[in-house]
Protein backbone atom coordinates (compact mmCIF):
# COMPACT_ATOMS: atom_id res chain seq x y z
CA UNK A 1 -8.49 16.30 7.61
CA UNK A 2 -9.48 19.97 6.05
CA UNK A 3 -6.36 21.43 8.36
CA UNK A 4 -3.97 20.21 5.75
CA UNK A 5 -4.67 22.56 3.50
CA UNK A 6 -2.75 25.35 5.66
CA UNK A 7 0.38 24.14 3.62
CA UNK A 8 0.19 25.71 0.16
CA UNK A 9 2.59 23.26 -1.33
CA UNK A 10 -0.04 20.00 -0.33
CA UNK A 11 -3.00 22.16 -1.27
CA UNK A 12 -1.45 23.00 -4.65
CA UNK A 13 -0.59 19.46 -5.69
CA UNK A 14 -3.68 18.06 -4.22
CA UNK A 15 -5.94 20.84 -6.67
CA UNK A 16 -3.75 19.62 -9.61
CA UNK A 17 -4.47 16.06 -8.46
CA UNK A 18 -8.43 16.69 -8.85
CA UNK A 19 -8.11 18.36 -12.18
CA UNK A 20 -6.12 15.73 -13.68
CA UNK A 21 -7.55 12.63 -12.47
CA UNK A 22 -11.62 14.17 -13.53
CA UNK A 23 -9.89 14.52 -16.79
CA UNK A 24 -8.67 11.00 -16.55
CA UNK A 25 -12.16 9.09 -15.97
CA UNK A 26 -13.53 11.25 -18.73
CA UNK A 27 -11.05 10.09 -21.01
CA UNK A 28 -11.57 6.12 -19.91
CA UNK A 29 -15.15 6.08 -20.37
CA UNK A 30 -14.55 7.76 -23.57
CA UNK A 31 -12.01 5.47 -24.71
CA UNK A 32 -13.52 1.95 -23.28
CA UNK A 33 -17.11 3.05 -24.43
CA UNK A 34 -15.95 3.73 -28.42
CA UNK A 35 -13.20 0.94 -28.14
CA UNK A 36 -16.37 -1.59 -27.40
CA UNK A 37 -18.36 -0.04 -29.91
CA UNK A 38 -15.71 -1.03 -32.65
CA UNK A 39 -15.07 -4.70 -31.05
CA UNK A 40 -15.39 -5.65 -27.64
CA UNK A 41 -11.80 -7.79 -27.97
CA UNK A 42 -10.38 -4.37 -28.05
CA UNK A 43 -11.35 -4.01 -24.25
CA UNK A 44 -8.48 -6.67 -23.78
CA UNK A 45 -5.71 -4.77 -25.82
CA UNK A 46 -6.94 -1.50 -23.82
CA UNK A 47 -6.62 -3.28 -20.43
CA UNK A 48 -3.17 -4.30 -21.55
CA UNK A 49 -2.19 -0.82 -22.67
CA UNK A 50 -3.15 0.57 -19.42
CA UNK A 51 -1.69 -1.66 -16.90
CA UNK A 52 1.31 -3.60 -18.36
CA UNK A 53 3.60 -0.45 -17.76
CA UNK A 54 2.37 -0.48 -14.24
CA UNK A 55 4.88 -3.39 -14.18
CA UNK A 56 7.39 -0.95 -14.22
CA UNK A 57 6.59 0.74 -11.11
CA UNK A 58 9.70 -0.74 -9.61
CA UNK A 59 12.29 0.80 -12.23
CA UNK A 60 10.02 4.34 -11.68
CA UNK A 61 10.88 4.11 -8.26
CA UNK A 62 14.66 3.59 -8.81
CA UNK A 63 14.25 6.79 -10.97
CA UNK A 64 12.32 8.81 -8.44
CA UNK A 65 15.36 7.98 -5.64
CA UNK A 66 17.92 9.02 -7.98
CA UNK A 67 16.46 12.12 -8.96
CA UNK A 68 14.15 15.09 -7.56
CA UNK A 69 10.76 13.18 -7.47
CA UNK A 70 9.24 16.98 -8.06
CA UNK A 71 10.51 16.95 -11.23
CA UNK A 72 9.53 13.07 -11.99
CA UNK A 73 5.94 14.23 -11.65
CA UNK A 74 6.59 17.37 -13.56
CA UNK A 75 7.86 16.00 -16.46
CA UNK A 76 5.46 12.71 -16.68
CA UNK A 77 2.44 15.35 -16.38
CA UNK A 78 4.11 17.50 -19.62
CA UNK A 79 4.51 14.47 -21.38
CA UNK A 80 0.68 12.56 -20.71
CA UNK A 81 -0.58 16.19 -21.54
CA UNK A 82 1.23 16.37 -24.91
CA UNK A 83 -0.03 12.70 -25.87
CA UNK A 84 -3.65 13.48 -25.15
CA UNK A 85 -3.55 16.84 -26.99
CA UNK A 86 -1.52 15.69 -29.80
CA UNK A 87 -4.08 12.65 -29.56
CA UNK A 88 -7.07 15.58 -29.47
CA UNK A 89 -5.57 16.71 -32.74
CA UNK A 90 -5.31 13.66 -33.99
CA UNK A 91 -8.71 12.58 -33.39
CA UNK A 92 -10.64 15.87 -35.18
CA UNK A 93 -8.61 15.35 -38.46
CA UNK A 94 -7.86 11.67 -39.14
CA UNK A 95 -10.89 9.76 -37.02
CA UNK A 96 -10.64 6.24 -38.40
CA UNK A 97 -6.89 6.11 -36.34
CA UNK A 98 -9.01 5.86 -33.35
CA UNK A 99 -7.98 2.55 -32.13
CA UNK A 100 -4.56 3.22 -32.44
CA UNK A 101 -4.35 6.49 -31.18
CA UNK A 102 -5.96 5.58 -28.07
CA UNK A 103 -3.94 2.58 -27.15
CA UNK A 104 -1.19 4.89 -27.42
CA UNK A 105 -2.87 7.37 -24.94
CA UNK A 106 -3.99 4.48 -22.37
CA UNK A 107 -0.25 3.25 -22.57
CA UNK A 108 1.36 6.50 -21.97
CA UNK A 109 -0.99 7.60 -18.59
CA UNK A 110 -0.04 3.91 -17.43
CA UNK A 111 3.68 4.55 -17.87
CA UNK A 112 3.45 7.91 -16.13
CA UNK A 113 1.33 6.25 -13.65
CA UNK A 114 4.31 4.19 -12.75
CA UNK A 115 6.65 7.03 -12.46
CA UNK A 116 3.64 9.16 -10.96
CA UNK A 117 2.65 6.86 -8.25
CA UNK A 118 5.96 6.20 -6.06
CA UNK A 119 7.02 10.11 -7.21
CA UNK A 120 3.29 11.18 -4.95
CA UNK A 121 4.20 8.80 -2.26
CA UNK A 122 7.84 9.83 -1.74
CA UNK A 123 7.26 13.78 -2.00
CA UNK A 124 3.77 13.51 0.51
CA UNK A 125 5.62 13.55 3.07
CA UNK A 126 7.34 16.53 2.54
CA UNK A 127 4.63 18.89 2.31
CA UNK A 128 2.67 18.01 5.45
CA UNK A 129 4.13 17.85 8.59
CA UNK A 130 4.21 14.32 10.40
CA UNK A 131 0.89 14.57 12.39
CA UNK A 132 -1.19 15.72 9.33
CA UNK A 133 0.67 12.93 7.06
CA UNK A 134 -2.54 10.24 7.66
CA UNK A 135 -4.92 13.07 7.18
CA UNK A 136 -3.28 14.23 3.49
CA UNK A 137 -3.29 10.46 3.22
CA UNK A 138 -6.98 10.21 3.54
CA UNK A 139 -7.77 13.25 1.63
CA UNK A 140 -5.48 12.14 -1.44
CA UNK A 141 -7.87 8.80 -1.60
CA UNK A 142 -11.00 10.87 -0.91
CA UNK A 143 -10.38 12.88 -4.28
CA UNK A 144 -9.34 10.03 -6.08
CA UNK A 145 -12.71 8.11 -5.20
CA UNK A 146 -14.57 11.21 -6.12
CA UNK A 147 -13.25 11.46 -9.52
CA UNK A 148 -13.75 8.00 -10.16
CA UNK A 149 -17.69 8.56 -9.16
CA UNK A 150 -17.65 12.13 -10.68
CA UNK A 151 -16.01 10.94 -13.98
CA UNK A 152 -17.93 7.83 -14.53
CA UNK A 153 -21.46 9.84 -13.57
CA UNK A 154 -20.90 12.38 -16.78
CA UNK A 155 -18.52 10.59 -19.21
CA UNK A 156 -21.08 9.43 -21.04
CA UNK A 157 -23.27 12.51 -21.02
CA UNK A 158 -19.91 14.50 -21.77
CA UNK A 159 -19.31 12.06 -24.88
CA UNK A 160 -22.47 12.53 -26.28
CA UNK A 161 -22.22 16.19 -25.72
CA UNK A 162 -18.83 18.04 -26.95
CA UNK A 163 -17.33 14.55 -28.81
CA UNK A 164 -14.28 12.68 -28.28
CA UNK A 165 -11.62 14.93 -29.99
CA UNK A 166 -12.54 17.42 -27.02
CA UNK A 167 -13.07 15.27 -24.39
CA UNK A 168 -9.23 13.97 -25.13
CA UNK A 169 -8.37 17.88 -25.34
CA UNK A 170 -9.73 18.08 -21.69
CA UNK A 171 -7.36 15.27 -20.33
CA UNK A 172 -4.63 16.89 -21.56
CA UNK A 173 -5.12 20.45 -20.38
CA UNK A 174 -5.77 18.58 -16.60
CA UNK A 175 -2.87 17.45 -16.89
CA UNK A 176 -1.43 20.83 -17.76
CA UNK A 177 -3.09 22.06 -14.60
CA UNK A 178 -1.26 19.11 -12.36
CA UNK A 179 2.04 20.14 -14.15
CA UNK A 180 2.08 23.73 -13.11
CA UNK A 181 0.40 23.09 -9.69
CA UNK A 182 3.86 20.73 -9.30
CA UNK A 183 5.93 23.73 -10.53
CA UNK A 184 4.12 25.81 -8.14
CA UNK A 185 5.82 23.87 -5.50
CA UNK A 186 9.11 24.40 -6.93
CA UNK A 187 8.95 27.81 -7.16
CA UNK A 188 7.56 27.69 -3.29
CA UNK A 189 10.68 25.62 -1.94
CA UNK A 190 12.86 28.02 -4.35
CA UNK A 191 11.79 30.83 -2.74
CA UNK A 192 12.15 29.63 0.62
CA UNK A 193 15.34 28.46 0.02
CA UNK A 194 15.04 24.31 0.33
CA UNK A 195 16.51 21.64 -1.37
CA UNK A 196 15.15 18.28 -2.57
CA UNK A 197 17.93 16.49 -0.83
CA UNK A 198 21.20 17.27 1.21
CA UNK A 199 24.61 17.49 -0.94
CA UNK A 200 25.80 14.41 1.32
CA UNK A 201 22.33 12.43 0.36
CA UNK A 202 22.88 12.79 -3.21
CA UNK A 203 23.38 9.61 -5.49
CA UNK A 204 26.89 9.12 -6.37
CA UNK A 205 27.32 10.67 -10.03
CA UNK A 206 29.15 7.44 -11.32
CA UNK A 207 26.80 5.10 -10.56
CA UNK A 208 24.78 3.64 -13.07
CA UNK A 209 21.07 3.32 -12.97
CA UNK A 210 21.10 -0.56 -13.12
CA UNK A 211 23.90 -0.09 -10.00
CA UNK A 212 21.81 2.16 -8.20
CA UNK A 213 18.80 0.40 -8.49
CA UNK A 214 19.89 -3.35 -7.19
CA UNK A 215 21.86 -1.45 -4.49
CA UNK A 216 18.18 0.49 -3.75
CA UNK A 217 16.62 -3.08 -3.22
CA UNK A 218 19.11 -4.43 -1.41
CA UNK A 219 18.61 -1.77 0.68
CA UNK A 220 14.77 -2.17 0.83
CA UNK A 221 15.61 -6.23 1.56
CA UNK A 222 17.11 -5.40 4.69
CA UNK A 223 14.18 -3.80 6.19
CA UNK A 224 12.29 -6.77 7.75
CA UNK A 225 9.20 -5.75 8.30
CA UNK A 226 8.58 -4.43 4.96
CA UNK A 227 9.64 -7.84 3.35
CA UNK A 228 7.47 -9.65 5.72
CA UNK A 229 4.29 -7.19 4.77
CA UNK A 230 4.57 -6.95 1.66
CA UNK A 231 3.60 -10.35 0.33
CA UNK A 232 0.71 -9.86 2.65
CA UNK A 233 -0.33 -6.49 0.72
CA UNK A 234 -0.21 -8.05 -2.69
CA UNK A 235 -1.86 -11.49 -1.47
CA UNK A 236 -4.78 -9.00 0.02
CA UNK A 237 -4.89 -7.59 -3.38
CA UNK A 238 -5.10 -10.47 -5.38
CA UNK A 239 -8.01 -11.57 -3.66
CA UNK A 240 -10.23 -8.78 -3.72
CA UNK A 241 -9.80 -8.27 -7.19
CA UNK A 242 -11.07 -11.59 -7.62
CA UNK A 243 -14.09 -10.87 -5.72
CA UNK A 244 -14.61 -7.92 -7.52
CA UNK A 245 -14.53 -9.60 -10.90
CA UNK A 246 -17.36 -12.25 -9.43
CA UNK A 247 -19.29 -9.88 -7.56
CA UNK A 248 -22.02 -9.41 -10.23
CA UNK A 249 -22.36 -13.78 -10.19
CA UNK A 250 -22.72 -13.70 -6.65
CA UNK A 251 -25.34 -10.79 -6.86
CA UNK A 252 -27.30 -12.56 -9.18
CA UNK A 253 -27.27 -16.28 -8.11
CA UNK A 254 -26.75 -16.11 -4.32
CA UNK A 255 -28.84 -12.43 -3.44
CA UNK A 256 -30.81 -13.16 -6.25
CA UNK A 257 -30.79 -9.23 -7.39
CA UNK A 258 -30.49 -7.74 -10.84
CA UNK A 259 -28.38 -4.62 -12.40
CA UNK A 260 -29.78 -2.14 -9.80
CA UNK A 261 -28.89 -4.48 -6.73
CA UNK A 262 -25.22 -5.16 -8.20
CA UNK A 263 -24.64 -1.29 -8.58
CA UNK A 264 -25.62 -0.47 -5.55
CA UNK A 265 -23.70 -3.10 -3.49
CA UNK A 266 -21.04 -1.72 -6.08
CA UNK A 267 -21.94 2.12 -4.80
CA UNK A 268 -22.01 0.87 -1.23
CA UNK A 269 -18.42 0.03 -1.02
CA UNK A 270 -17.53 3.30 -3.07
CA UNK A 271 -19.31 5.26 -0.46
CA UNK A 272 -17.64 3.24 2.71
CA UNK A 273 -14.36 4.76 1.17
CA UNK A 274 -14.84 8.16 0.91
CA UNK A 275 -15.90 8.15 4.64
CA UNK A 276 -13.51 6.37 5.58
CA UNK A 277 -10.75 8.32 3.71
CA UNK A 278 -12.56 11.59 5.29
CA UNK A 279 -12.34 10.24 8.69
CA UNK A 280 -8.63 9.07 8.64
CA UNK A 281 -7.35 11.82 10.46
CA UNK A 282 -9.77 11.16 12.83
CA UNK A 283 -8.90 7.70 13.26
CA UNK A 284 -4.74 9.20 13.19
CA UNK A 285 -5.74 10.24 17.17
CA UNK A 286 -5.35 6.38 17.76
CA UNK A 287 -1.59 4.62 17.34
CA UNK A 288 -0.98 3.18 13.91
CA UNK A 289 -0.83 -0.56 15.19
CA UNK A 290 -4.19 0.01 16.96
CA UNK A 291 -5.83 1.57 14.22
CA UNK A 292 -4.61 -1.01 11.75
CA UNK A 293 -5.78 -3.50 13.99
CA UNK A 294 -9.24 -2.41 15.07
CA UNK A 295 -10.48 -1.24 11.38
CA UNK A 296 -8.38 -4.33 10.27
CA UNK A 297 -10.39 -6.84 12.08
CA UNK A 298 -13.74 -4.84 11.06
CA UNK A 299 -12.51 -5.17 7.39
CA UNK A 300 -11.75 -8.72 7.83
CA UNK A 301 -15.41 -9.58 9.46
CA UNK A 302 -17.30 -7.48 6.86
CA UNK A 303 -15.99 -9.56 4.07
CA UNK A 304 -16.89 -12.85 6.11
CA UNK A 305 -20.45 -11.64 7.13
CA UNK A 306 -21.14 -10.82 3.49
CA UNK A 307 -20.23 -14.17 2.63
CA UNK A 308 -22.96 -15.62 4.52
CA UNK A 309 -25.48 -12.89 3.88
CA UNK A 310 -28.50 -13.52 1.41
CA UNK A 311 -29.95 -10.38 2.27
CA UNK A 312 -29.05 -7.65 -0.13
CA UNK A 313 -29.66 -4.81 2.49
CA UNK A 314 -27.28 -6.83 4.91
CA UNK A 315 -24.95 -6.99 2.03
CA UNK A 316 -24.99 -3.00 1.59
CA UNK A 317 -24.38 -2.60 5.00
CA UNK A 318 -21.59 -4.86 5.12
CA UNK A 319 -19.99 -3.33 1.85
CA UNK A 320 -20.38 0.10 3.54
CA UNK A 321 -18.47 -1.08 6.48
CA UNK A 322 -15.86 -2.62 4.57
CA UNK A 323 -15.30 0.54 2.26
CA UNK A 324 -14.86 2.48 5.08
CA UNK A 325 -12.63 0.10 7.12
CA UNK A 326 -10.22 -0.24 3.99
CA UNK A 327 -10.63 3.88 3.57
CA UNK A 328 -8.97 3.98 7.05
CA UNK A 329 -6.38 1.26 6.85
CA UNK A 330 -4.99 2.26 3.53
CA UNK A 331 -4.36 6.11 4.75
CA UNK A 332 -2.78 4.78 8.29
CA UNK A 333 -0.48 2.00 6.21
CA UNK A 334 0.73 4.45 3.62
CA UNK A 335 1.14 7.30 6.14
CA UNK A 336 2.95 4.49 8.21
CA UNK A 337 5.19 3.28 5.74
CA UNK A 338 6.28 7.01 4.54
CA UNK A 339 7.38 7.71 7.57
CA UNK A 340 9.03 4.33 8.54
CA UNK A 341 10.72 3.53 5.24
CA UNK A 342 13.79 5.14 4.87
CA UNK A 343 13.63 8.12 2.16
CA UNK A 344 17.01 7.12 0.00
CA UNK A 345 15.13 3.73 -0.60
CA UNK A 346 11.06 5.05 -0.59
CA UNK A 347 10.65 5.56 -4.34
CA UNK A 348 11.67 1.63 -4.84
CA UNK A 349 9.76 0.45 -1.87
CA UNK A 350 6.48 2.37 -3.27
CA UNK A 351 7.66 0.88 -6.69
CA UNK A 352 7.75 -2.34 -5.72
CA UNK A 353 4.24 -2.28 -4.23
CA UNK A 354 2.50 -0.88 -7.38
CA UNK A 355 4.61 -3.18 -9.54
CA UNK A 356 3.53 -6.10 -7.59
CA UNK A 357 -0.13 -5.06 -7.32
CA UNK A 358 -0.35 -4.43 -11.15
CA UNK A 359 0.64 -7.95 -11.29
CA UNK A 360 -1.84 -9.60 -8.83
CA UNK A 361 -4.73 -7.58 -9.90
CA UNK A 362 -5.13 -8.18 -13.40
CA UNK A 363 -4.12 -12.21 -12.65
CA UNK A 364 -6.76 -12.86 -10.35
CA UNK A 365 -9.32 -10.93 -12.68
CA UNK A 366 -8.63 -13.18 -15.27
CA UNK A 367 -8.25 -16.64 -12.97
CA UNK A 368 -11.58 -15.42 -11.28
CA UNK A 369 -13.71 -16.12 -14.04
CA UNK A 370 -11.97 -19.40 -15.32
CA UNK A 371 -11.97 -20.90 -11.92
CA UNK A 372 -15.72 -20.12 -11.39
CA UNK A 373 -16.54 -24.08 -12.67
CA UNK A 374 -14.21 -25.66 -9.75
CA UNK A 375 -14.19 -22.80 -7.16
CA UNK A 376 -16.86 -21.37 -5.11
CA UNK A 377 -17.45 -17.48 -5.27
CA UNK A 378 -18.00 -17.90 -1.24
CA UNK A 379 -14.44 -19.41 -1.37
CA UNK A 380 -12.35 -16.20 -2.77
CA UNK A 381 -14.22 -14.08 -0.08
CA UNK A 382 -13.45 -16.51 2.68
CA UNK A 383 -9.61 -16.26 0.89
CA UNK A 384 -10.13 -12.37 1.39
CA UNK A 385 -10.98 -12.60 4.52
CA UNK A 386 -8.34 -14.66 5.69
CA UNK A 387 -5.58 -12.26 4.01
CA UNK A 388 -6.96 -9.47 5.22
CA UNK A 389 -6.80 -10.69 8.52
CA UNK A 390 -3.01 -11.81 8.01
CA UNK A 391 -1.99 -8.59 6.51
CA UNK A 392 -3.28 -6.58 9.83
CA UNK A 393 -1.69 -9.45 12.22
CA UNK A 394 1.48 -9.12 10.21
CA UNK A 395 1.38 -4.52 10.75
CA UNK A 396 1.03 -5.41 14.24
CA UNK A 397 3.64 -8.22 14.85
CA UNK A 398 6.27 -6.52 12.62
CA UNK A 399 5.51 -2.99 11.93
CA UNK A 400 7.41 -0.84 13.81
CA UNK A 401 5.94 0.55 17.15
CA UNK A 402 7.95 4.45 16.88
CA UNK A 403 7.72 5.89 12.95
CA UNK A 404 11.46 6.80 12.82
CA UNK A 405 11.74 10.42 11.87
CA UNK A 406 8.97 12.44 13.51
CA UNK A 407 7.85 15.58 12.25
CA UNK A 408 10.14 16.21 9.04
CA UNK A 409 12.99 19.03 10.04
CA UNK A 410 12.71 20.20 6.34
CA UNK A 411 8.60 20.73 6.62
CA UNK A 412 8.77 24.62 6.57
CA UNK A 413 5.78 26.30 8.23
CA UNK A 414 4.75 27.58 4.81
CA UNK A 415 5.42 24.78 3.00
């Protein structure tokens, strides 16, 4: 996996992401804690401010396909940095404006993510050769998991130690570091004489944004395997989010555990995902279809076994296996799509995934609690297991056997 650090452009983007994600997690811990102290109902407003802009990922994907993805990443980082640094100043001078400023910062983070996510998915295949793409995806997902864990671990302590304004300032500075990393990629490519796209591949200058968006979506709709797999990806995200919300209920009522056991079961999933992402490069030695089928079957069986377990220790083990399998599946699946989806519509394709997932996950979180009286928790687990199996079968049946475009010709030796 770590051989991907041979490519300076990838290393630069990765390092910027590590710093920005850590800063973001510190901000999130501070924001949610301080908001619930003022009113628990503000947490709903915070969740909406953060998640609703993600629904624009489909539009963001169109912008990524229309423009240079590097500059989309650069400007979204600079905007988020500016808003967080301005927020730090407001926190220090006008603390009574905390709620309004925090909601603005969270909404800006959500909007920035709706642009940055598709752009990162588009640019990653240009930073590493094809044979390192799965390992690169795995490493990106690994650091994302670590950022969540480390940020959650030190967020509360940092709030007590340095205070609200400094946390917002650190978040802003972390986005400046990420912007500098993207600027370094632009510098490296300019020094090598590389261009983002050939003139022949550039979008028609007279075409409007709306017309290009619709044309791109029609092109995505003609990718039959993508159209077949997309609903299954959304379905799995929906049921997995529902299970995640109801896990505390399951731990208390079925496993007869407390907060310690609940935290341990969640930690087992995160540790498994971390290990799976780290091992994604090794799993890439088998074919993508075989890897997806193997680890998809493990994930589906782990969820099913978890639903029948009445032992905390067995549940810990099953959640660890589930996390490891999901880490590998995500890395392989993203790499497969990045290879197989034509570059000119790749941003819109990933934007649609982020948008539909952005709808499915909060919807499932809301429905899970409401449905508790009518639908048992175990039914959510069975449906999650079935949707995982359906997704893997879908990948196996419709994913292209040979991803088009082997090692990208425009990946320079020192890209």
